[in-house]
Amino acid sequence: IRKEEQLNGEEASITNDISKSMQFITEYNNKIDDLVKVYGKMNPDKAAKIVEKMMTNNNTVTALEIDSEPVFEISDASIIIDVLSRMGNKTLSSIMNYISTDKASTLTQMLVRP
């Protein structure tokens, strides 16, 4: 792709966009992995309170932008879903025990989305 871009004289290279995207997603995934460890060591009732607060906030916290357009947006809700989806079942269930039935139902629906 890079050689074709050079031959066509394209300044804004798609390979740069791909590289930037890969770097952003890799960094995000590393931070999520760290948060999984942190939340796994917390008291489940304290973690549940944080989960309940974060799962209702869909405002963008940060975003990957390409050509000044958001391509991948991250919210509190998406962060906490990514953290919970990577937890072991035992840890997740201990946290969900402290979440209200209505919110646990909503959280379950959020966790099964692809």
Protein backbone atom coordinates (compact mmCIF):
# COMPACT_ATOMS: atom_id res chain seq x y z
CA ILE A 1 0.00 0.00 0.00
CA ARG A 2 2.80 2.38 0.92
CA LYS A 3 4.53 1.97 -2.47
CA GLU A 4 1.26 2.56 -4.29
CA GLU A 5 0.69 5.70 -2.24
CA GLN A 6 4.18 6.93 -3.08
CA LEU A 7 3.62 6.30 -6.77
CA ASN A 8 0.33 8.18 -6.65
CA GLY A 9 1.92 11.04 -4.70
CA GLU A 10 -0.60 10.83 -1.88
CA GLU A 11 0.53 12.87 1.09
CA ALA A 12 -2.04 11.67 3.57
CA SER A 13 -1.06 8.04 3.71
CA ILE A 14 -3.51 5.33 4.66
CA THR A 15 -0.61 3.42 6.20
CA ASN A 16 -0.11 6.30 8.64
CA ASP A 17 -3.81 6.14 9.54
CA ILE A 18 -3.61 2.38 10.04
CA SER A 19 -0.48 2.75 12.17
CA LYS A 20 -2.11 5.47 14.28
CA SER A 21 -5.21 3.32 14.72
CA MET A 22 -3.22 0.26 15.74
CA GLN A 23 -1.21 2.28 18.25
CA PHE A 24 -4.37 3.81 19.76
CA ILE A 25 -6.15 0.46 20.07
CA THR A 26 -3.07 -1.30 21.47
CA GLU A 27 -2.63 1.39 24.11
CA TYR A 28 -6.35 1.26 24.97
CA ASN A 29 -6.28 -2.54 25.30
CA ASN A 30 -3.21 -2.39 27.56
CA LYS A 31 -4.95 0.12 29.82
CA ILE A 32 -8.10 -2.02 29.93
CA ASP A 33 -5.99 -5.05 30.91
CA ASP A 34 -4.49 -3.00 33.76
CA LEU A 35 -7.96 -1.92 34.89
CA VAL A 36 -9.16 -5.54 34.90
CA LYS A 37 -6.42 -6.30 37.44
CA VAL A 38 -7.31 -3.23 39.53
CA TYR A 39 -11.05 -3.94 39.60
CA GLY A 40 -10.35 -7.60 40.32
CA LYS A 41 -8.52 -6.63 43.52
CA MET A 42 -11.22 -4.21 44.72
CA ASN A 43 -14.02 -5.02 47.12
CA PRO A 44 -16.94 -6.15 44.94
CA ASP A 45 -19.39 -3.71 46.57
CA LYS A 46 -17.10 -0.75 45.86
CA ALA A 47 -16.49 -1.93 42.28
CA ALA A 48 -20.26 -2.34 41.79
CA LYS A 49 -20.89 1.29 42.77
CA ILE A 50 -18.33 2.47 40.21
CA VAL A 51 -19.79 0.17 37.55
CA GLU A 52 -23.31 1.51 38.14
CA LYS A 53 -22.08 5.08 37.78
CA MET A 54 -19.95 4.47 34.67
CA MET A 55 -22.44 2.30 32.77
CA THR A 56 -24.88 5.21 32.45
CA ASN A 57 -22.38 7.70 31.03
CA ASN A 58 -22.15 7.51 27.24
CA ASN A 59 -20.37 10.84 26.83
CA THR A 60 -17.12 10.54 24.89
CA VAL A 61 -14.06 10.50 27.13
CA THR A 62 -11.55 10.19 24.32
CA ALA A 63 -11.59 9.30 20.64
CA LEU A 64 -9.35 8.20 17.82
CA GLU A 65 -9.62 10.82 15.12
CA ILE A 66 -8.55 10.49 11.53
CA ASP A 67 -8.80 13.55 9.31
CA SER A 68 -10.48 15.38 12.23
CA GLU A 69 -13.30 12.82 12.28
CA PRO A 70 -13.91 10.56 15.28
CA VAL A 71 -13.43 6.97 14.17
CA PHE A 72 -13.41 5.18 17.52
CA GLU A 73 -15.07 6.86 20.49
CA ILE A 74 -14.59 5.76 24.08
CA SER A 75 -17.06 6.53 26.87
CA ASP A 76 -17.23 5.57 30.54
CA ALA A 77 -19.84 2.97 29.58
CA SER A 78 -17.64 1.39 26.90
CA ILE A 79 -14.63 1.37 29.23
CA ILE A 80 -16.45 -0.42 32.05
CA ILE A 81 -18.02 -2.92 29.64
CA ASP A 82 -14.58 -3.71 28.19
CA VAL A 83 -13.18 -4.15 31.71
CA LEU A 84 -16.02 -6.41 32.88
CA SER A 85 -16.02 -8.49 29.70
CA ARG A 86 -12.38 -9.43 30.30
CA MET A 87 -12.88 -10.43 33.92
CA GLY A 88 -13.17 -13.99 35.06
CA ASN A 89 -16.69 -15.24 35.75
CA LYS A 90 -16.14 -15.51 39.50
CA THR A 91 -14.96 -11.91 39.82
CA LEU A 92 -17.71 -10.60 37.54
CA SER A 93 -20.43 -12.46 39.42
CA SER A 94 -19.20 -11.16 42.78
CA ILE A 95 -19.44 -7.59 41.46
CA MET A 96 -22.85 -8.18 39.86
CA ASN A 97 -24.19 -9.46 43.20
CA TYR A 98 -23.98 -5.87 44.46
CA ILE A 99 -25.68 -4.27 41.45
CA SER A 100 -29.43 -3.62 41.50
CA THR A 101 -31.57 -6.06 39.51
CA ASP A 102 -32.59 -3.46 36.92
CA LYS A 103 -29.03 -2.28 36.38
CA ALA A 104 -27.72 -5.86 36.33
CA SER A 105 -30.22 -6.63 33.57
CA THR A 106 -29.07 -3.62 31.55
CA LEU A 107 -25.44 -4.51 32.22
CA THR A 108 -26.03 -8.06 30.99
CA GLN A 109 -27.48 -6.71 27.75
CA MET A 110 -24.48 -4.41 27.35
CA LEU A 111 -22.05 -7.28 27.95
CA VAL A 112 -23.50 -9.46 25.19
CA ARG A 113 -23.29 -6.83 22.45
CA PRO A 114 -20.56 -7.61 19.92
